[in-house]
Amino acid sequence: MNTQCPTCNKPTTKQYRPFCSKRCADLDLGQWLNEGYKIESEEESNLDEYEPG
């Protein structure tokens, strides 16, 4: 089964699946780490009120 890389749409490789290369995998990871991707939630966030104890 040959699928497409979610970053560049090239065919994936077994080594980096679901990506085609380390570069595309790293680009995707960077998006997550820099909050480029977000998962929506119906709950209100209370993170602004959090105070470490």
N, C-alpha and C. Protein backbone atom coordinates (compact mmCIF):
# COMPACT_ATOMS: atom_id res chain seq x y z
N MET A 1 0.85 -1.18 0.00
CA MET A 1 0.00 0.00 0.00
C MET A 1 0.89 1.25 0.00
N ASN A 2 0.77 2.05 -1.00
CA ASN A 2 1.57 3.25 -1.11
C ASN A 2 0.68 4.47 -0.84
N THR A 3 0.98 5.18 0.21
CA THR A 3 0.20 6.36 0.55
C THR A 3 1.03 7.61 0.29
N GLN A 4 0.43 8.75 0.46
CA GLN A 4 1.12 10.00 0.20
C GLN A 4 1.53 10.67 1.50
N CYS A 5 2.66 11.32 1.45
CA CYS A 5 3.20 12.09 2.56
C CYS A 5 2.24 13.25 2.87
N PRO A 6 1.86 13.44 4.14
CA PRO A 6 0.95 14.54 4.47
C PRO A 6 1.60 15.92 4.33
N THR A 7 2.91 15.98 4.25
CA THR A 7 3.61 17.26 4.14
C THR A 7 3.76 17.71 2.69
N CYS A 8 4.18 16.80 1.81
CA CYS A 8 4.48 17.20 0.43
C CYS A 8 3.74 16.40 -0.64
N ASN A 9 2.98 15.40 -0.24
CA ASN A 9 2.18 14.55 -1.15
C ASN A 9 2.99 13.60 -2.02
N LYS A 10 4.29 13.42 -1.74
CA LYS A 10 5.08 12.41 -2.46
C LYS A 10 4.76 11.04 -1.85
N PRO A 11 5.08 9.95 -2.54
CA PRO A 11 4.87 8.61 -1.97
C PRO A 11 5.69 8.43 -0.68
N THR A 12 5.11 7.76 0.30
CA THR A 12 5.81 7.53 1.56
C THR A 12 6.88 6.45 1.41
N THR A 13 7.80 6.43 2.37
CA THR A 13 8.81 5.38 2.42
C THR A 13 8.62 4.61 3.71
N LYS A 14 9.02 3.36 3.69
CA LYS A 14 8.85 2.50 4.86
C LYS A 14 9.58 3.06 6.08
N GLN A 15 10.76 3.60 5.89
CA GLN A 15 11.58 4.09 6.99
C GLN A 15 10.94 5.28 7.71
N TYR A 16 10.25 6.16 6.98
CA TYR A 16 9.72 7.39 7.58
C TYR A 16 8.20 7.47 7.57
N ARG A 17 7.53 6.36 7.33
CA ARG A 17 6.09 6.33 7.24
C ARG A 17 5.46 7.02 8.43
N PRO A 18 4.51 7.90 8.30
CA PRO A 18 3.71 8.21 7.11
C PRO A 18 4.31 9.29 6.22
N PHE A 19 5.58 9.63 6.42
CA PHE A 19 6.23 10.67 5.63
C PHE A 19 7.12 10.04 4.55
N CYS A 20 7.61 10.89 3.65
CA CYS A 20 8.48 10.38 2.58
C CYS A 20 9.95 10.49 2.96
N SER A 21 10.27 11.35 3.94
CA SER A 21 11.67 11.59 4.29
C SER A 21 11.77 12.13 5.71
N LYS A 22 12.99 12.14 6.23
CA LYS A 22 13.24 12.71 7.55
C LYS A 22 12.90 14.19 7.55
N ARG A 23 13.20 14.87 6.45
CA ARG A 23 12.91 16.30 6.35
C ARG A 23 11.42 16.58 6.56
N CYS A 24 10.56 15.83 5.89
CA CYS A 24 9.12 16.04 6.03
C CYS A 24 8.65 15.69 7.45
N ALA A 25 9.21 14.63 8.02
CA ALA A 25 8.87 14.27 9.40
C ALA A 25 9.28 15.38 10.36
N ASP A 26 10.46 15.94 10.16
CA ASP A 26 10.94 17.03 11.01
C ASP A 26 10.11 18.30 10.85
N LEU A 27 9.70 18.59 9.63
CA LEU A 27 8.84 19.75 9.40
C LEU A 27 7.51 19.61 10.15
N ASP A 28 6.94 18.40 10.12
CA ASP A 28 5.69 18.15 10.82
C ASP A 28 5.89 18.28 12.33
N LEU A 29 6.95 17.73 12.86
CA LEU A 29 7.24 17.85 14.29
C LEU A 29 7.40 19.31 14.68
N GLY A 30 8.08 20.08 13.85
CA GLY A 30 8.24 21.50 14.11
C GLY A 30 6.92 22.24 14.19
N GLN A 31 5.98 21.85 13.34
CA GLN A 31 4.64 22.46 13.39
C GLN A 31 3.98 22.21 14.74
N TRP A 32 4.08 20.97 15.24
CA TRP A 32 3.50 20.66 16.55
C TRP A 32 4.20 21.42 17.66
N LEU A 33 5.52 21.46 17.63
CA LEU A 33 6.28 22.10 18.70
C LEU A 33 6.09 23.62 18.72
N ASN A 34 5.84 24.21 17.58
CA ASN A 34 5.62 25.66 17.50
C ASN A 34 4.15 26.03 17.52
N GLU A 35 3.32 25.07 17.91
CA GLU A 35 1.87 25.25 18.01
C GLU A 35 1.23 25.66 16.69
N GLY A 36 1.79 25.15 15.59
CA GLY A 36 1.20 25.38 14.28
C GLY A 36 -0.05 24.55 14.08
N TYR A 37 -0.12 23.42 14.76
CA TYR A 37 -1.30 22.57 14.75
C TYR A 37 -1.96 22.69 16.11
N LYS A 38 -3.28 22.71 16.12
CA LYS A 38 -4.00 22.78 17.38
C LYS A 38 -5.18 21.83 17.32
N ILE A 39 -5.48 21.23 18.45
CA ILE A 39 -6.63 20.35 18.57
C ILE A 39 -7.70 21.12 19.31
N GLU A 40 -8.82 21.35 18.65
CA GLU A 40 -9.91 22.12 19.24
C GLU A 40 -10.57 21.34 20.37
N SER A 41 -11.04 22.07 21.35
CA SER A 41 -11.74 21.47 22.47
C SER A 41 -12.98 22.31 22.78
N GLU A 42 -14.02 21.65 23.26
CA GLU A 42 -15.23 22.37 23.64
C GLU A 42 -15.13 22.90 25.06
N GLU A 43 -14.16 22.41 25.82
CA GLU A 43 -13.99 22.84 27.20
C GLU A 43 -13.19 24.14 27.25
N GLU A 44 -13.50 24.97 28.25
CA GLU A 44 -12.73 26.19 28.45
C GLU A 44 -11.42 25.86 29.12
N SER A 45 -10.37 26.51 28.71
CA SER A 45 -9.06 26.30 29.29
C SER A 45 -8.87 27.19 30.51
N ASN A 46 -8.35 26.61 31.59
CA ASN A 46 -8.06 27.37 32.80
C ASN A 46 -6.57 27.55 32.97
N LEU A 47 -5.78 27.42 31.92
CA LEU A 47 -4.33 27.51 32.04
C LEU A 47 -3.87 28.89 32.46
N ASP A 48 -4.61 29.94 32.12
CA ASP A 48 -4.21 31.28 32.52
C ASP A 48 -4.31 31.48 34.04
N GLU A 49 -5.16 30.69 34.68
CA GLU A 49 -5.36 30.81 36.12
C GLU A 49 -4.45 29.89 36.91
N TYR A 50 -3.67 29.06 36.25
CA TYR A 50 -2.81 28.09 36.92
C TYR A 50 -1.62 28.76 37.58
N GLU A 51 -1.42 28.44 38.83
CA GLU A 51 -0.27 28.93 39.57
C GLU A 51 0.48 27.75 40.14
N PRO A 52 1.74 27.55 39.74
CA PRO A 52 2.51 26.42 40.26
C PRO A 52 2.63 26.49 41.78
N GLY A 53 2.54 25.32 42.40
CA GLY A 53 2.57 25.27 43.85
C GLY A 53 3.85 24.98 44.40
